[in-house]
Amino acid sequence: MPSRSADDDPRLGDVSEGTILRAILARTAPATHTIIGPGDDAAVIATPSGSVVATTDTLVHGPDFRLAWSSGYDLGWKSAAVNLADVAAMGARPTALLVALAVPRDLRLSFVEQMTDGLRAACEALAPGCAVVGGDLTVSDVLTVAVTALGDLEGRDAVTRSGARLGDVVAIAGELGHAAHGLAVLFGRFRDGDTPVPIDSSALESGERAALDAQLRPAPPIGLGVMAAVAGATAMMDVSDGLALDAGRLAAASGVTLDLARAALGANSERALAGGEDHALLATFPPSVLPPGFRIIGEVLEQGAESVLCDGEPVDAAGWDPYRDWDSTTG
């Protein structure tokens, strides 16, 4: 849809809620499973399997994104992608998003329109048939985006974190460490003291551009969640906080030890282990089962130990913790 000119881009505090909502709804698309979409008190979504997977995530300006680095489109895309990945990690097909926006009065209407475009584009690219079906709009001094994603298991049982078994292989779908590389580029190259400054694309090498894309517009392998479930994944989760930390959560839930192979983690294994926000799918499978798109990175060694090793040595559970890491990411 056409973008707004500078003369036709009011601050949100200068227009009504109805005007903002009409601008948003004009940019949304119908979801395949929608019976009643935006415009009523609530949406009605078909659940062919009788089961609904539901998840929610909140992005807050400061700890989760910076307006100096993220466009409205970037923010909309990422807000969708991180939630779609959680649905996929349960082995479900995403069906709908509910988006709640808390926005400052001086934010421009065009920014909200760009966010909506990003949400729509991410759904179309990553989870066709899924779309925004409703949400909420309020005022806040801090820009906040809260997304609830719904998914359909299509008659299958959910794939949880607790099913890994002795003898399973550990596999990953998606990239590891790229988003962390992008974050390092942002904090290392695009700050004036503690103040973020706009990204100068001309100063980036191709690898840095790819890393920034992974950080600002992640593209998790959403469709592979269903494929993993159908193939017989015994456990699965979204790697959002770093492979070492999230693998530890899967190990604890399943009551097993995971031994990862450093050589399978890429050129920068430490970044792969500790970096977050790649939203890859970590799964365990029986040795005879490995669906396309997944690659083996380790094995399940024993029941009861609840730990993560790398080449047989204990791994530090480094990764993103919003409380532990608050000072280092908001400065």
Protein backbone atom coordinates (compact mmCIF):
# COMPACT_ATOMS: atom_id res chain seq x y z
CA MET A 1 0.00 0.00 0.00
CA PRO A 2 1.22 3.57 -0.63
CA SER A 3 3.17 5.28 2.12
CA ARG A 4 2.18 8.60 3.62
CA SER A 5 3.77 11.90 2.66
CA ALA A 6 5.37 14.02 5.35
CA ASP A 7 2.44 16.46 5.15
CA ASP A 8 -0.10 13.66 5.61
CA ASP A 9 1.49 11.85 8.53
CA PRO A 10 -0.16 13.03 11.76
CA ARG A 11 1.08 12.25 15.26
CA LEU A 12 -1.11 9.68 16.95
CA GLY A 13 -2.02 12.21 19.64
CA ASP A 14 -3.61 14.40 16.97
CA VAL A 15 -6.03 11.80 15.59
CA SER A 16 -8.74 9.56 17.05
CA GLU A 17 -8.49 5.90 17.99
CA GLY A 18 -10.93 5.18 15.17
CA THR A 19 -8.60 6.79 12.63
CA ILE A 20 -5.66 4.68 13.84
CA LEU A 21 -7.69 1.48 13.80
CA ARG A 22 -9.01 2.16 10.31
CA ALA A 23 -5.44 2.71 9.12
CA ILE A 24 -4.41 -0.62 10.66
CA LEU A 25 -7.38 -2.63 9.43
CA ALA A 26 -6.94 -1.33 5.90
CA ARG A 27 -3.57 -3.12 5.87
CA THR A 28 -4.55 -6.47 7.38
CA ALA A 29 -5.52 -9.61 5.46
CA PRO A 30 -8.04 -12.33 6.31
CA ALA A 31 -6.72 -15.45 8.01
CA THR A 32 -7.64 -18.83 6.56
CA HIS A 33 -9.27 -20.03 9.80
CA THR A 34 -11.17 -16.80 10.57
CA ILE A 35 -14.94 -17.03 11.02
CA ILE A 36 -15.31 -13.50 12.43
CA GLY A 37 -12.39 -11.12 12.00
CA PRO A 38 -11.56 -7.62 13.24
CA GLY A 39 -14.39 -5.23 14.00
CA ASP A 40 -16.43 -7.06 16.64
CA ASP A 41 -15.77 -7.50 20.36
CA ALA A 42 -13.68 -10.59 19.63
CA ALA A 43 -12.56 -12.70 16.72
CA VAL A 44 -13.87 -16.22 16.10
CA ILE A 45 -11.31 -18.71 14.81
CA ALA A 46 -12.09 -22.19 13.52
CA THR A 47 -10.24 -25.03 15.26
CA PRO A 48 -10.58 -28.04 12.95
CA SER A 49 -8.61 -30.29 15.30
CA GLY A 50 -10.43 -29.20 18.44
CA SER A 51 -7.17 -28.06 20.06
CA VAL A 52 -5.67 -24.58 20.13
CA VAL A 53 -2.01 -23.73 20.69
CA ALA A 54 -1.67 -20.26 22.22
CA THR A 55 1.40 -18.18 23.02
CA THR A 56 2.20 -14.54 23.68
CA ASP A 57 5.30 -12.35 23.59
CA THR A 58 5.91 -8.67 24.35
CA LEU A 59 8.44 -6.36 22.73
CA VAL A 60 9.26 -3.20 24.68
CA HIS A 61 11.25 -0.25 23.39
CA GLY A 62 14.62 -0.35 25.15
CA PRO A 63 15.35 -3.95 26.12
CA ASP A 64 13.78 -5.54 23.01
CA PHE A 65 14.22 -3.03 20.17
CA ARG A 66 15.42 0.50 19.46
CA LEU A 67 13.60 2.90 17.15
CA ALA A 68 16.96 4.21 15.93
CA TRP A 69 17.65 0.74 14.52
CA SER A 70 14.21 -0.71 13.71
CA SER A 71 11.75 0.65 11.17
CA GLY A 72 8.03 0.15 11.72
CA TYR A 73 8.14 -2.63 9.14
CA ASP A 74 11.05 -4.33 10.95
CA LEU A 75 9.20 -4.18 14.26
CA GLY A 76 5.99 -5.58 12.80
CA TRP A 77 7.84 -8.41 11.08
CA LYS A 78 9.82 -9.35 14.18
CA SER A 79 6.74 -9.16 16.42
CA ALA A 80 5.05 -11.73 14.20
CA ALA A 81 8.08 -13.96 13.65
CA VAL A 82 8.98 -14.51 17.30
CA ASN A 83 5.43 -15.63 18.10
CA LEU A 84 5.03 -17.79 15.01
CA ALA A 85 8.19 -19.64 16.05
CA ASP A 86 6.69 -20.56 19.42
CA VAL A 87 3.61 -22.02 17.73
CA ALA A 88 5.80 -23.96 15.29
CA ALA A 89 7.87 -25.33 18.16
CA MET A 90 4.76 -27.12 19.45
CA GLY A 91 4.30 -28.82 16.09
CA ALA A 92 1.30 -26.62 15.24
CA ARG A 93 0.33 -24.58 12.21
CA PRO A 94 -0.10 -20.85 13.04
CA THR A 95 -3.65 -19.64 12.35
CA ALA A 96 -4.05 -16.14 13.81
CA LEU A 97 -2.38 -13.25 15.62
CA LEU A 98 -3.85 -10.80 18.14
CA VAL A 99 -1.81 -7.61 18.46
CA ALA A 100 -1.98 -5.12 21.33
CA LEU A 101 -0.19 -1.80 20.82
CA ALA A 102 0.72 0.68 23.54
CA VAL A 103 1.94 3.73 21.64
CA PRO A 104 3.26 7.21 22.49
CA ARG A 105 1.09 10.13 21.35
CA ASP A 106 3.91 11.65 19.30
CA LEU A 107 4.46 8.51 17.21
CA ARG A 108 3.53 9.02 13.57
CA LEU A 109 0.56 7.22 12.02
CA SER A 110 2.81 6.03 9.18
CA PHE A 111 4.93 4.08 11.69
CA VAL A 112 1.87 2.10 12.83
CA GLU A 113 0.91 1.51 9.19
CA GLN A 114 4.43 0.23 8.46
CA MET A 115 4.20 -2.08 11.49
CA THR A 116 0.97 -3.51 10.13
CA ASP A 117 2.62 -4.04 6.75
CA GLY A 118 5.46 -5.89 8.49
CA LEU A 119 3.09 -8.09 10.45
CA ARG A 120 1.19 -8.96 7.29
CA ALA A 121 4.33 -9.63 5.25
CA ALA A 122 5.83 -11.90 7.92
CA CYS A 123 2.64 -13.96 8.10
CA GLU A 124 2.46 -14.25 4.31
CA ALA A 125 6.12 -15.27 4.03
CA LEU A 126 6.50 -17.50 7.09
CA ALA A 127 3.00 -18.86 7.82
CA PRO A 128 0.65 -18.49 4.83
CA GLY A 129 -2.97 -18.38 5.92
CA CYS A 130 -2.17 -16.80 9.28
CA ALA A 131 -3.02 -13.13 9.79
CA VAL A 132 -3.86 -10.47 12.38
CA VAL A 133 -7.49 -10.95 13.45
CA GLY A 134 -7.79 -8.40 16.27
CA GLY A 135 -6.08 -6.79 19.22
CA ASP A 136 -6.07 -3.63 21.31
CA LEU A 137 -4.78 -0.09 21.13
CA THR A 138 -3.80 2.17 24.03
CA VAL A 139 -1.49 5.05 24.93
CA SER A 140 1.88 4.68 26.68
CA ASP A 141 5.07 6.66 27.08
CA VAL A 142 6.97 3.52 26.01
CA LEU A 143 6.19 1.85 22.69
CA THR A 144 5.14 -1.71 23.48
CA VAL A 145 3.92 -4.48 21.16
CA ALA A 146 2.23 -7.53 22.67
CA VAL A 147 1.31 -10.34 20.26
CA THR A 148 -0.73 -13.46 20.98
CA ALA A 149 -0.41 -16.22 18.40
CA LEU A 150 -2.81 -19.12 17.93
CA GLY A 151 -2.14 -22.41 16.17
CA ASP A 152 -3.86 -25.62 15.12
CA LEU A 153 -2.41 -29.06 15.89
CA GLU A 154 -4.45 -30.61 13.06
CA GLY A 155 -5.31 -33.67 15.14
CA ARG A 156 -1.75 -34.37 16.34
CA ASP A 157 -0.47 -34.29 19.91
CA ALA A 158 1.64 -31.25 20.76
CA VAL A 159 5.41 -31.73 20.70
CA THR A 160 6.68 -30.55 24.09
CA ARG A 161 10.10 -30.07 25.65
CA SER A 162 9.71 -33.14 27.84
CA GLY A 163 9.83 -36.08 25.43
CA ALA A 164 13.53 -36.49 24.58
CA ARG A 165 14.75 -40.04 25.13
CA LEU A 166 18.08 -41.81 25.53
CA GLY A 167 19.45 -42.58 22.06
CA ASP A 168 17.65 -39.74 20.27
CA VAL A 169 19.61 -37.41 18.03
CA VAL A 170 19.58 -33.66 18.71
CA ALA A 171 18.87 -31.57 15.61
CA ILE A 172 18.36 -27.96 14.61
CA ALA A 173 16.45 -26.22 11.83
CA GLY A 174 17.48 -22.64 11.12
CA GLU A 175 20.58 -20.59 11.79
CA LEU A 176 22.54 -20.17 15.02
CA GLY A 177 24.47 -17.09 16.12
CA HIS A 178 23.50 -14.80 13.25
CA ALA A 179 21.11 -12.64 15.26
CA ALA A 180 23.71 -12.29 18.02
CA HIS A 181 26.22 -11.18 15.39
CA GLY A 182 23.72 -8.58 14.21
CA LEU A 183 23.23 -7.31 17.75
CA ALA A 184 26.99 -7.04 18.20
CA VAL A 185 27.20 -4.97 15.00
CA LEU A 186 24.47 -2.64 16.26
CA PHE A 187 26.01 -2.10 19.69
CA GLY A 188 29.54 -1.95 18.34
CA ARG A 189 29.03 0.27 15.30
CA PHE A 190 25.87 2.32 15.66
CA ARG A 191 26.00 4.14 18.97
CA ASP A 192 27.10 7.59 20.03
CA GLY A 193 28.14 6.82 23.60
CA ASP A 194 25.05 5.18 25.06
CA THR A 195 22.71 6.61 22.40
CA PRO A 196 21.75 4.44 19.42
CA VAL A 197 22.24 6.12 16.05
CA PRO A 198 20.65 5.21 12.68
CA ILE A 199 22.21 2.36 10.73
CA ASP A 200 24.46 3.40 7.84
CA SER A 201 23.86 0.58 5.36
CA SER A 202 26.66 1.79 3.11
CA ALA A 203 29.17 1.04 5.86
CA LEU A 204 28.17 -2.62 6.12
CA GLU A 205 29.77 -5.65 4.55
CA SER A 206 27.47 -8.31 3.08
CA GLY A 207 27.92 -10.59 6.09
CA GLU A 208 27.02 -7.75 8.44
CA ARG A 209 23.89 -6.96 6.42
CA ALA A 210 22.80 -10.58 6.66
CA ALA A 211 23.44 -10.56 10.40
CA LEU A 212 21.37 -7.39 10.84
CA ASP A 213 18.54 -8.95 8.85
CA ALA A 214 18.66 -11.96 11.18
CA GLN A 215 18.39 -9.65 14.18
CA LEU A 216 15.83 -7.13 12.89
CA ARG A 217 13.75 -9.37 10.58
CA PRO A 218 14.22 -12.98 11.73
CA ALA A 219 12.89 -15.67 9.39
CA PRO A 220 12.42 -18.83 11.47
CA PRO A 221 11.61 -22.07 9.61
CA ILE A 222 7.96 -22.03 10.72
CA GLY A 223 6.74 -24.73 8.35
CA LEU A 224 9.33 -27.19 9.62
CA GLY A 225 7.59 -27.35 12.99
CA VAL A 226 4.70 -29.28 11.45
CA MET A 227 7.13 -31.42 9.43
CA ALA A 228 9.04 -32.33 12.59
CA ALA A 229 5.86 -33.30 14.40
CA VAL A 230 4.66 -35.46 11.53
CA ALA A 231 8.08 -37.12 11.26
CA GLY A 232 8.03 -38.10 14.93
CA ALA A 233 9.96 -35.47 16.90
CA THR A 234 10.10 -36.52 20.54
CA ALA A 235 10.77 -33.01 21.89
CA MET A 236 11.06 -29.54 20.38
CA MET A 237 11.42 -25.88 21.32
CA ASP A 238 12.15 -22.47 19.85
CA VAL A 239 15.74 -21.29 20.41
CA SER A 240 15.09 -17.69 21.42
CA ASP A 241 17.46 -17.16 24.35
CA GLY A 242 20.55 -18.99 23.10
CA LEU A 243 21.24 -22.63 22.28
CA ALA A 244 23.04 -23.48 25.54
CA LEU A 245 20.35 -21.94 27.74
CA ASP A 246 17.42 -23.33 25.77
CA ALA A 247 18.99 -26.78 25.36
CA GLY A 248 19.34 -26.79 29.13
CA ARG A 249 15.62 -26.14 29.45
CA LEU A 250 14.82 -29.03 27.13
CA ALA A 251 17.24 -31.28 29.00
CA ALA A 252 15.66 -30.36 32.33
CA ALA A 253 12.11 -30.87 31.05
CA SER A 254 13.00 -34.27 29.59
CA GLY A 255 15.31 -35.36 32.40
CA VAL A 256 18.19 -36.13 30.04
CA THR A 257 21.72 -35.07 29.13
CA LEU A 258 22.29 -33.53 25.71
CA ASP A 259 25.77 -33.72 24.20
CA LEU A 260 26.27 -31.19 21.41
CA ALA A 261 29.01 -31.44 18.79
CA ARG A 262 30.96 -28.18 18.53
CA ALA A 263 31.92 -28.88 14.92
CA ALA A 264 28.22 -28.96 13.99
CA LEU A 265 27.55 -25.48 15.38
CA GLY A 266 29.23 -23.46 12.63
CA ALA A 267 32.31 -21.30 12.39
CA ASN A 268 31.60 -19.43 15.63
CA SER A 269 30.46 -22.08 18.07
CA GLU A 270 30.57 -19.78 21.10
CA ARG A 271 28.21 -17.31 19.42
CA ALA A 272 25.97 -20.20 18.38
CA LEU A 273 25.85 -21.46 21.98
CA ALA A 274 25.35 -18.13 23.76
CA GLY A 275 23.63 -15.93 21.19
CA GLY A 276 19.87 -15.55 21.23
CA GLU A 277 17.01 -14.46 18.95
CA ASP A 278 17.71 -16.80 16.03
CA HIS A 279 14.41 -18.60 16.68
CA ALA A 280 15.72 -21.83 15.23
CA LEU A 281 13.84 -25.03 16.06
CA LEU A 282 15.70 -27.38 18.41
CA ALA A 283 14.32 -30.92 18.33
CA THR A 284 15.12 -34.50 19.23
CA PHE A 285 14.29 -37.45 16.98
CA PRO A 286 14.75 -41.21 16.97
CA PRO A 287 17.98 -41.96 15.05
CA SER A 288 16.07 -43.29 12.04
CA VAL A 289 13.98 -40.12 11.71
CA LEU A 290 15.30 -36.79 10.48
CA PRO A 291 13.01 -34.67 8.30
CA PRO A 292 14.39 -32.39 5.57
CA GLY A 293 15.55 -29.02 6.89
CA PHE A 294 16.95 -30.38 10.14
CA ARG A 295 20.62 -31.20 10.73
CA ILE A 296 22.09 -33.25 13.56
CA ILE A 297 24.09 -31.32 16.17
CA GLY A 298 24.30 -33.86 19.00
CA GLU A 299 22.76 -36.78 20.83
CA VAL A 300 20.82 -37.65 23.98
CA LEU A 301 23.24 -39.50 26.24
CA GLU A 302 21.44 -40.46 29.42
CA GLN A 303 18.29 -40.11 31.45
CA GLY A 304 18.24 -38.28 34.75
CA ALA A 305 21.26 -36.00 34.54
CA GLU A 306 19.45 -32.94 33.11
CA SER A 307 22.54 -31.24 31.71
CA VAL A 308 24.08 -29.97 28.47
CA LEU A 309 27.54 -30.95 27.28
CA CYS A 310 29.55 -29.89 24.25
CA ASP A 311 32.00 -32.54 23.04
CA GLY A 312 31.55 -34.21 26.40
CA GLU A 313 32.40 -31.13 28.48
CA PRO A 314 29.87 -29.13 30.57
CA VAL A 315 28.53 -25.99 28.89
CA ASP A 316 27.92 -22.68 30.62
CA ALA A 317 24.21 -21.85 30.32
CA ALA A 318 24.92 -18.48 28.75
CA GLY A 319 22.13 -16.71 26.88
CA TRP A 320 19.55 -13.95 27.13
CA ASP A 321 17.86 -13.37 30.49
CA PRO A 322 15.88 -10.09 30.53
CA TYR A 323 16.43 -9.59 34.26
CA ARG A 324 20.06 -10.71 34.51
CA ASP A 325 21.06 -8.90 31.29
CA TRP A 326 18.99 -5.72 31.68
CA ASP A 327 21.84 -3.33 32.40
CA SER A 328 24.12 -4.60 29.64
CA THR A 329 21.44 -4.34 26.92
CA THR A 330 19.79 -1.08 27.77
CA GLY A 331 22.86 1.09 28.33
